[in-house]
Amino acid sequence: MERTTRLKSLSTPCSSNGLPDAEDPVDDAAALPPHADHLTCHQYVVFSATFQVPTFYFSVHDSSGAPLVLSEITQTSLLRQHAFDSAEVTVFSIGQPNENFPLLSFGDHPTLGTPCWYLHPCETGTAVEEIIKAVENDAGHLPWLEAWFLMLSSVVDLRA
C-alpha cells in the first residue's frame, strides 16, 4: 500500500533533542527547511517478513527532490510531536533511552530498495494485541489491521 501526499512545515524551532519546542520563541527562518513550501511525502505500508507485522515506511523530499534529514522531518506535520517526548534523536534514528530498538530508523525499503525512514516493527505485535484486548474489554471486537492503524496514528498524522 502506498500514497504520496504534501506536508506542512511547522514553524517551531527545535529544542536540544532535535524536536520542535513549543516554548521557544518562533523564528520561521531558522525552523523551516529549504524549499519547505513544497514538501512531498511518500508513504508505504509494507509487511515485515521478520516480525510478521505491517511496517510504515516513508520519505520526505523538498521541491528540488532532495530528501530531508531527520531534524527537518521532525519539523513537518507528519510526525506527532508528543509521541517523541523524552526521545533521543540521532542523525539516523529516534528512540527512547534504554530501549534496544529505536522507534524510528533509517534503512532501505524492502521492496523498492530506496532509502526510507520507518517505524521499527519489533514491538508492533505486542502493542496491537494490547489495543485489541483493551477494546474487547470495553466495546467488543476490533480487527487487527484497524488496531495497527490506530496505533500508527498515535505517532504519525495520517491526515498529513
N, C-alpha and C. Protein backbone atom coordinates (compact mmCIF):
# COMPACT_ATOMS: atom_id res chain seq x y z
N MET A 1 0.85 -1.14 0.00
CA MET A 1 0.00 0.00 0.00
C MET A 1 0.91 1.23 0.00
N GLU A 2 0.59 2.19 -0.82
CA GLU A 2 1.39 3.41 -0.86
C GLU A 2 0.54 4.61 -1.20
N ARG A 3 1.05 5.77 -0.83
CA ARG A 3 0.42 7.03 -1.21
C ARG A 3 1.48 8.13 -1.17
N THR A 4 1.21 9.20 -1.88
CA THR A 4 2.06 10.38 -1.88
C THR A 4 1.20 11.55 -1.44
N THR A 5 1.75 12.35 -0.55
CA THR A 5 1.00 13.48 -0.01
C THR A 5 1.92 14.68 0.18
N ARG A 6 1.34 15.84 0.36
CA ARG A 6 2.09 17.07 0.65
C ARG A 6 2.10 17.26 2.17
N LEU A 7 3.18 17.80 2.68
CA LEU A 7 3.30 18.08 4.11
C LEU A 7 3.46 19.55 4.35
N LYS A 8 3.09 19.97 5.55
CA LYS A 8 3.33 21.33 6.01
C LYS A 8 4.55 21.31 6.92
N SER A 9 5.29 22.39 6.90
CA SER A 9 6.37 22.56 7.86
C SER A 9 5.83 23.24 9.09
N LEU A 10 6.31 22.83 10.22
CA LEU A 10 5.97 23.50 11.46
C LEU A 10 6.89 24.69 11.59
N SER A 11 6.42 25.78 12.14
CA SER A 11 7.26 26.96 12.28
C SER A 11 7.72 27.10 13.72
N THR A 12 8.16 25.98 14.30
CA THR A 12 8.63 25.98 15.68
C THR A 12 10.08 25.55 15.72
N PRO A 13 10.95 26.30 16.35
CA PRO A 13 12.36 25.92 16.43
C PRO A 13 12.53 24.61 17.20
N CYS A 14 13.66 23.96 16.98
CA CYS A 14 13.94 22.69 17.63
C CYS A 14 14.55 22.90 19.01
N SER A 15 14.21 21.99 19.92
CA SER A 15 14.83 22.00 21.23
C SER A 15 16.13 21.21 21.15
N SER A 16 16.76 20.99 22.28
CA SER A 16 18.05 20.31 22.30
C SER A 16 17.98 18.86 21.81
N ASN A 17 16.79 18.22 21.87
CA ASN A 17 16.70 16.83 21.40
C ASN A 17 16.36 16.74 19.92
N GLY A 18 16.30 17.86 19.22
CA GLY A 18 16.06 17.85 17.78
C GLY A 18 14.60 17.93 17.40
N LEU A 19 13.70 17.93 18.38
CA LEU A 19 12.26 18.02 18.11
C LEU A 19 11.79 19.44 18.38
N PRO A 20 10.71 19.86 17.72
CA PRO A 20 10.22 21.22 17.94
C PRO A 20 9.90 21.46 19.41
N ASP A 21 10.18 22.65 19.88
CA ASP A 21 9.93 23.02 21.26
C ASP A 21 8.96 24.19 21.26
N ALA A 22 7.74 23.95 21.70
CA ALA A 22 6.69 24.96 21.63
C ALA A 22 6.95 26.14 22.57
N GLU A 23 7.83 25.99 23.54
CA GLU A 23 8.08 27.06 24.49
C GLU A 23 9.10 28.08 23.98
N ASP A 24 9.87 27.73 22.97
CA ASP A 24 10.85 28.67 22.42
C ASP A 24 10.16 29.68 21.53
N PRO A 25 10.70 30.90 21.43
CA PRO A 25 10.11 31.87 20.52
C PRO A 25 10.25 31.40 19.07
N VAL A 26 9.30 31.76 18.26
CA VAL A 26 9.27 31.30 16.87
C VAL A 26 10.19 32.14 16.01
N ASP A 27 11.03 31.47 15.25
CA ASP A 27 11.90 32.11 14.26
C ASP A 27 11.73 31.30 12.98
N ASP A 28 10.78 31.70 12.13
CA ASP A 28 10.44 30.93 10.94
C ASP A 28 11.64 30.62 10.06
N ALA A 29 12.54 31.54 9.90
CA ALA A 29 13.68 31.33 9.02
C ALA A 29 14.57 30.21 9.53
N ALA A 30 14.73 30.09 10.84
CA ALA A 30 15.60 29.06 11.40
C ALA A 30 14.91 27.71 11.45
N ALA A 31 13.59 27.70 11.53
CA ALA A 31 12.86 26.46 11.75
C ALA A 31 12.56 25.70 10.46
N LEU A 32 12.39 26.40 9.37
CA LEU A 32 11.94 25.75 8.15
C LEU A 32 13.09 25.25 7.30
N PRO A 33 12.96 24.01 6.79
CA PRO A 33 13.99 23.52 5.87
C PRO A 33 13.90 24.27 4.54
N PRO A 34 14.98 24.20 3.74
CA PRO A 34 14.94 24.85 2.42
C PRO A 34 13.79 24.28 1.59
N HIS A 35 13.17 25.08 0.81
CA HIS A 35 12.07 24.67 -0.06
C HIS A 35 10.91 24.08 0.74
N ALA A 36 10.68 24.57 1.96
CA ALA A 36 9.68 24.00 2.86
C ALA A 36 8.25 24.19 2.37
N ASP A 37 8.06 25.07 1.40
CA ASP A 37 6.71 25.30 0.93
C ASP A 37 6.20 24.16 0.05
N HIS A 38 7.06 23.27 -0.41
CA HIS A 38 6.65 22.16 -1.27
C HIS A 38 7.29 20.86 -0.80
N LEU A 39 6.81 20.30 0.28
CA LEU A 39 7.34 19.04 0.78
C LEU A 39 6.45 17.90 0.30
N THR A 40 7.07 16.88 -0.25
CA THR A 40 6.35 15.70 -0.72
C THR A 40 6.74 14.51 0.14
N CYS A 41 5.72 13.79 0.59
CA CYS A 41 5.96 12.62 1.43
C CYS A 41 5.43 11.37 0.74
N HIS A 42 6.32 10.40 0.54
CA HIS A 42 5.93 9.10 0.01
C HIS A 42 5.78 8.17 1.20
N GLN A 43 4.61 7.54 1.32
CA GLN A 43 4.31 6.68 2.46
C GLN A 43 3.97 5.28 1.97
N TYR A 44 4.45 4.28 2.72
CA TYR A 44 4.25 2.89 2.33
C TYR A 44 3.90 2.05 3.55
N VAL A 45 3.02 1.10 3.38
CA VAL A 45 2.78 0.07 4.38
C VAL A 45 3.31 -1.21 3.76
N VAL A 46 4.31 -1.80 4.43
CA VAL A 46 5.00 -2.99 3.92
C VAL A 46 4.96 -4.06 5.00
N PHE A 47 4.69 -5.28 4.62
CA PHE A 47 4.68 -6.39 5.57
C PHE A 47 6.11 -6.79 5.91
N SER A 48 6.42 -6.82 7.20
CA SER A 48 7.75 -7.23 7.66
C SER A 48 7.79 -8.75 7.75
N ALA A 49 8.59 -9.37 6.91
CA ALA A 49 8.72 -10.83 6.95
C ALA A 49 9.36 -11.29 8.26
N THR A 50 10.24 -10.49 8.80
CA THR A 50 10.93 -10.85 10.04
C THR A 50 9.99 -10.81 11.24
N PHE A 51 9.23 -9.73 11.38
CA PHE A 51 8.38 -9.55 12.55
C PHE A 51 6.93 -9.95 12.31
N GLN A 52 6.58 -10.25 11.05
CA GLN A 52 5.24 -10.71 10.68
C GLN A 52 4.15 -9.68 11.01
N VAL A 53 4.46 -8.40 10.77
CA VAL A 53 3.52 -7.31 11.01
C VAL A 53 3.69 -6.26 9.92
N PRO A 54 2.68 -5.40 9.73
CA PRO A 54 2.87 -4.28 8.80
C PRO A 54 3.87 -3.28 9.38
N THR A 55 4.57 -2.59 8.49
CA THR A 55 5.55 -1.59 8.88
C THR A 55 5.33 -0.34 8.04
N PHE A 56 5.42 0.82 8.68
CA PHE A 56 5.22 2.09 7.99
C PHE A 56 6.57 2.65 7.57
N TYR A 57 6.76 2.81 6.25
CA TYR A 57 7.97 3.41 5.67
C TYR A 57 7.57 4.74 5.04
N PHE A 58 8.51 5.70 5.04
CA PHE A 58 8.22 6.98 4.39
C PHE A 58 9.51 7.68 4.01
N SER A 59 9.38 8.61 3.08
CA SER A 59 10.47 9.53 2.74
C SER A 59 9.84 10.89 2.49
N VAL A 60 10.60 11.94 2.80
CA VAL A 60 10.12 13.31 2.61
C VAL A 60 11.16 14.05 1.78
N HIS A 61 10.69 14.75 0.73
CA HIS A 61 11.58 15.47 -0.18
C HIS A 61 11.10 16.90 -0.32
N ASP A 62 12.06 17.80 -0.55
CA ASP A 62 11.69 19.19 -0.80
C ASP A 62 11.36 19.35 -2.28
N SER A 63 11.08 20.57 -2.70
CA SER A 63 10.64 20.81 -4.08
C SER A 63 11.71 20.51 -5.12
N SER A 64 12.98 20.47 -4.70
CA SER A 64 14.04 20.13 -5.65
C SER A 64 14.25 18.61 -5.75
N GLY A 65 13.54 17.85 -4.90
CA GLY A 65 13.69 16.40 -4.90
C GLY A 65 14.69 15.89 -3.89
N ALA A 66 15.34 16.79 -3.16
CA ALA A 66 16.33 16.39 -2.16
C ALA A 66 15.62 15.85 -0.91
N PRO A 67 16.09 14.74 -0.38
CA PRO A 67 15.46 14.20 0.83
C PRO A 67 15.78 15.08 2.04
N LEU A 68 14.81 15.18 2.95
CA LEU A 68 15.02 15.92 4.17
C LEU A 68 15.77 15.04 5.17
N VAL A 69 16.57 15.66 6.00
CA VAL A 69 17.24 14.95 7.09
C VAL A 69 16.28 14.87 8.26
N LEU A 70 16.60 14.02 9.22
CA LEU A 70 15.68 13.77 10.32
C LEU A 70 15.30 15.03 11.08
N SER A 71 16.26 15.92 11.34
CA SER A 71 15.93 17.14 12.07
C SER A 71 14.92 17.99 11.30
N GLU A 72 14.93 17.93 9.98
CA GLU A 72 13.94 18.65 9.17
C GLU A 72 12.61 17.91 9.15
N ILE A 73 12.64 16.58 9.11
CA ILE A 73 11.40 15.80 9.11
C ILE A 73 10.63 16.03 10.40
N THR A 74 11.33 16.14 11.51
CA THR A 74 10.65 16.36 12.79
C THR A 74 9.97 17.73 12.85
N GLN A 75 10.28 18.59 11.89
CA GLN A 75 9.66 19.91 11.83
C GLN A 75 8.49 19.95 10.84
N THR A 76 8.04 18.80 10.38
CA THR A 76 6.90 18.74 9.47
C THR A 76 5.66 18.27 10.22
N SER A 77 4.55 18.29 9.54
CA SER A 77 3.28 17.86 10.13
C SER A 77 3.10 16.34 10.12
N LEU A 78 4.05 15.59 9.63
CA LEU A 78 3.89 14.14 9.55
C LEU A 78 3.91 13.45 10.91
N LEU A 79 4.91 13.75 11.72
CA LEU A 79 5.08 13.06 12.99
C LEU A 79 4.41 13.84 14.12
N ARG A 80 3.72 13.13 14.98
CA ARG A 80 3.08 13.76 16.14
C ARG A 80 4.16 14.05 17.17
N GLN A 81 4.31 15.28 17.53
CA GLN A 81 5.41 15.71 18.38
C GLN A 81 5.38 15.07 19.76
N HIS A 82 4.21 14.88 20.34
CA HIS A 82 4.12 14.30 21.68
C HIS A 82 4.58 12.84 21.72
N ALA A 83 4.58 12.17 20.60
CA ALA A 83 4.97 10.76 20.55
C ALA A 83 6.46 10.57 20.83
N PHE A 84 7.23 11.62 20.71
CA PHE A 84 8.66 11.52 20.89
C PHE A 84 9.17 12.30 22.10
N ASP A 85 8.28 12.55 23.05
CA ASP A 85 8.72 13.21 24.29
C ASP A 85 9.80 12.37 24.94
N SER A 86 10.81 12.99 25.42
CA SER A 86 11.97 12.37 26.07
C SER A 86 12.76 11.44 25.14
N ALA A 87 12.55 11.57 23.85
CA ALA A 87 13.26 10.72 22.89
C ALA A 87 14.68 11.23 22.64
N GLU A 88 15.55 10.30 22.30
CA GLU A 88 16.90 10.64 21.90
C GLU A 88 16.94 10.65 20.37
N VAL A 89 17.37 11.76 19.81
CA VAL A 89 17.40 11.92 18.36
C VAL A 89 18.84 11.88 17.89
N THR A 90 19.12 11.02 16.91
CA THR A 90 20.43 10.99 16.26
C THR A 90 20.21 11.32 14.79
N VAL A 91 21.25 11.25 14.01
CA VAL A 91 21.12 11.50 12.58
C VAL A 91 20.29 10.42 11.90
N PHE A 92 20.33 9.18 12.43
CA PHE A 92 19.68 8.06 11.77
C PHE A 92 18.54 7.42 12.55
N SER A 93 18.14 7.99 13.71
CA SER A 93 17.05 7.35 14.46
C SER A 93 16.49 8.26 15.54
N ILE A 94 15.32 7.87 16.01
CA ILE A 94 14.70 8.44 17.20
C ILE A 94 14.34 7.26 18.09
N GLY A 95 14.76 7.30 19.33
CA GLY A 95 14.45 6.21 20.23
C GLY A 95 14.33 6.67 21.66
N GLN A 96 13.76 5.81 22.47
CA GLN A 96 13.64 6.08 23.90
C GLN A 96 14.92 5.63 24.60
N PRO A 97 15.35 6.34 25.62
CA PRO A 97 16.54 5.93 26.36
C PRO A 97 16.38 4.51 26.91
N ASN A 98 17.44 3.75 26.90
CA ASN A 98 17.48 2.39 27.46
C ASN A 98 16.62 1.37 26.72
N GLU A 99 16.22 1.65 25.49
CA GLU A 99 15.48 0.68 24.68
C GLU A 99 16.42 0.05 23.68
N ASN A 100 16.18 -1.23 23.37
CA ASN A 100 17.05 -1.95 22.43
C ASN A 100 16.87 -1.49 20.99
N PHE A 101 15.65 -1.16 20.60
CA PHE A 101 15.37 -0.77 19.23
C PHE A 101 14.84 0.65 19.19
N PRO A 102 15.22 1.44 18.18
CA PRO A 102 14.69 2.80 18.06
C PRO A 102 13.22 2.77 17.62
N LEU A 103 12.52 3.85 17.86
CA LEU A 103 11.15 3.97 17.37
C LEU A 103 11.16 4.22 15.87
N LEU A 104 12.07 5.07 15.45
CA LEU A 104 12.17 5.46 14.05
C LEU A 104 13.59 5.20 13.58
N SER A 105 13.72 4.51 12.46
CA SER A 105 15.05 4.15 11.93
C SER A 105 15.13 4.53 10.46
N PHE A 106 16.35 4.46 9.94
CA PHE A 106 16.61 4.73 8.53
C PHE A 106 17.16 3.47 7.89
N GLY A 107 16.63 3.11 6.72
CA GLY A 107 17.11 1.93 6.00
C GLY A 107 16.47 1.85 4.63
N ASP A 108 16.79 0.81 3.91
CA ASP A 108 16.23 0.64 2.57
C ASP A 108 14.83 0.04 2.63
N HIS A 109 13.96 0.54 1.78
CA HIS A 109 12.63 -0.03 1.60
C HIS A 109 12.83 -1.48 1.16
N PRO A 110 12.16 -2.45 1.77
CA PRO A 110 12.45 -3.86 1.47
C PRO A 110 12.10 -4.31 0.06
N THR A 111 11.20 -3.62 -0.62
CA THR A 111 10.82 -3.98 -1.98
C THR A 111 11.46 -3.07 -3.01
N LEU A 112 11.41 -1.78 -2.77
CA LEU A 112 11.91 -0.80 -3.73
C LEU A 112 13.42 -0.62 -3.65
N GLY A 113 14.01 -0.90 -2.48
CA GLY A 113 15.44 -0.72 -2.31
C GLY A 113 15.87 0.73 -2.18
N THR A 114 14.91 1.63 -2.00
CA THR A 114 15.23 3.05 -1.86
C THR A 114 15.36 3.42 -0.39
N PRO A 115 16.19 4.41 -0.06
CA PRO A 115 16.34 4.83 1.34
C PRO A 115 15.03 5.40 1.88
N CYS A 116 14.64 4.95 3.06
CA CYS A 116 13.41 5.39 3.70
C CYS A 116 13.59 5.43 5.21
N TRP A 117 12.74 6.20 5.84
CA TRP A 117 12.58 6.15 7.29
C TRP A 117 11.49 5.14 7.55
N TYR A 118 11.54 4.47 8.69
CA TYR A 118 10.47 3.53 9.04
C TYR A 118 10.31 3.42 10.54
N LEU A 119 9.08 3.12 10.96
CA LEU A 119 8.81 2.87 12.37
C LEU A 119 9.20 1.43 12.63
N HIS A 120 10.10 1.23 13.57
CA HIS A 120 10.65 -0.11 13.80
C HIS A 120 9.54 -1.06 14.24
N PRO A 121 9.42 -2.23 13.60
CA PRO A 121 8.29 -3.14 13.85
C PRO A 121 8.45 -4.12 15.01
N CYS A 122 9.54 -4.07 15.76
CA CYS A 122 9.82 -5.14 16.72
C CYS A 122 8.76 -5.30 17.80
N GLU A 123 8.16 -4.26 18.29
CA GLU A 123 7.15 -4.36 19.35
C GLU A 123 5.73 -4.15 18.85
N THR A 124 5.57 -4.10 17.53
CA THR A 124 4.27 -3.82 16.94
C THR A 124 3.22 -4.86 17.34
N GLY A 125 3.54 -6.12 17.21
CA GLY A 125 2.58 -7.18 17.52
C GLY A 125 2.06 -7.09 18.94
N THR A 126 2.96 -6.89 19.88
CA THR A 126 2.58 -6.78 21.29
C THR A 126 1.70 -5.57 21.53
N ALA A 127 2.06 -4.43 20.96
CA ALA A 127 1.28 -3.20 21.15
C ALA A 127 -0.12 -3.34 20.56
N VAL A 128 -0.22 -3.92 19.37
CA VAL A 128 -1.53 -4.09 18.73
C VAL A 128 -2.40 -5.04 19.55
N GLU A 129 -1.83 -6.11 20.06
CA GLU A 129 -2.59 -7.06 20.88
C GLU A 129 -3.10 -6.37 22.14
N GLU A 130 -2.32 -5.48 22.74
CA GLU A 130 -2.77 -4.73 23.92
C GLU A 130 -3.96 -3.84 23.57
N ILE A 131 -3.92 -3.19 22.42
CA ILE A 131 -5.03 -2.35 21.98
C ILE A 131 -6.27 -3.20 21.78
N ILE A 132 -6.13 -4.33 21.12
CA ILE A 132 -7.28 -5.21 20.86
C ILE A 132 -7.89 -5.69 22.17
N LYS A 133 -7.08 -6.11 23.12
CA LYS A 133 -7.60 -6.57 24.42
C LYS A 133 -8.34 -5.45 25.14
N ALA A 134 -7.78 -4.24 25.11
CA ALA A 134 -8.44 -3.11 25.77
C ALA A 134 -9.80 -2.82 25.14
N VAL A 135 -9.86 -2.86 23.83
CA VAL A 135 -11.12 -2.59 23.13
C VAL A 135 -12.12 -3.70 23.39
N GLU A 136 -11.68 -4.95 23.36
CA GLU A 136 -12.58 -6.08 23.61
C GLU A 136 -13.18 -6.00 25.01
N ASN A 137 -12.40 -5.53 25.99
CA ASN A 137 -12.91 -5.39 27.35
C ASN A 137 -13.95 -4.28 27.45
N ASP A 138 -13.81 -3.24 26.62
CA ASP A 138 -14.71 -2.09 26.70
C ASP A 138 -15.86 -2.11 25.69
N ALA A 139 -15.57 -2.46 24.45
CA ALA A 139 -16.57 -2.22 23.41
C ALA A 139 -16.79 -3.36 22.43
N GLY A 140 -16.06 -4.43 22.51
CA GLY A 140 -16.27 -5.51 21.55
C GLY A 140 -15.05 -5.81 20.74
N HIS A 141 -15.26 -6.09 19.46
CA HIS A 141 -14.20 -6.59 18.58
C HIS A 141 -13.57 -5.47 17.76
N LEU A 142 -12.25 -5.53 17.59
CA LEU A 142 -11.52 -4.59 16.74
C LEU A 142 -10.59 -5.40 15.85
N PRO A 143 -10.75 -5.30 14.52
CA PRO A 143 -9.86 -6.05 13.61
C PRO A 143 -8.40 -5.65 13.81
N TRP A 144 -7.48 -6.60 13.59
CA TRP A 144 -6.06 -6.40 13.84
C TRP A 144 -5.50 -5.22 13.06
N LEU A 145 -5.77 -5.17 11.76
CA LEU A 145 -5.21 -4.09 10.93
C LEU A 145 -5.76 -2.72 11.35
N GLU A 146 -7.01 -2.68 11.74
CA GLU A 146 -7.58 -1.43 12.22
C GLU A 146 -6.88 -0.99 13.51
N ALA A 147 -6.59 -1.94 14.38
CA ALA A 147 -5.85 -1.63 15.62
C ALA A 147 -4.44 -1.15 15.29
N TRP A 148 -3.82 -1.73 14.26
CA TRP A 148 -2.48 -1.29 13.85
C TRP A 148 -2.52 0.17 13.37
N PHE A 149 -3.51 0.50 12.54
CA PHE A 149 -3.63 1.89 12.07
C PHE A 149 -3.93 2.84 13.22
N LEU A 150 -4.69 2.39 14.21
CA LEU A 150 -4.95 3.20 15.39
C LEU A 150 -3.64 3.48 16.13
N MET A 151 -2.82 2.46 16.30
CA MET A 151 -1.53 2.62 16.94
C MET A 151 -0.62 3.55 16.11
N LEU A 152 -0.58 3.32 14.80
CA LEU A 152 0.24 4.15 13.90
C LEU A 152 -0.17 5.61 13.99
N SER A 153 -1.47 5.86 14.06
CA SER A 153 -1.94 7.25 14.09
C SER A 153 -1.59 7.97 15.38
N SER A 154 -1.13 7.25 16.39
CA SER A 154 -0.68 7.93 17.60
C SER A 154 0.72 8.53 17.42
N VAL A 155 1.43 8.08 16.39
CA VAL A 155 2.79 8.56 16.10
C VAL A 155 2.82 9.38 14.81
N VAL A 156 2.04 8.98 13.82
CA VAL A 156 2.04 9.61 12.50
C VAL A 156 0.68 10.25 12.27
N ASP A 157 0.68 11.49 11.81
CA ASP A 157 -0.58 12.14 11.45
C ASP A 157 -0.96 11.65 10.06
N LEU A 158 -1.88 10.70 10.01
CA LEU A 158 -2.28 10.09 8.74
C LEU A 158 -3.11 11.03 7.88
N ARG A 159 -3.51 12.16 8.44
CA ARG A 159 -4.23 13.16 7.64
C ARG A 159 -3.25 14.04 6.88
N ALA A 160 -1.97 13.98 7.25
CA ALA A 160 -0.93 14.82 6.62
C ALA A 160 -0.70 14.39 5.20
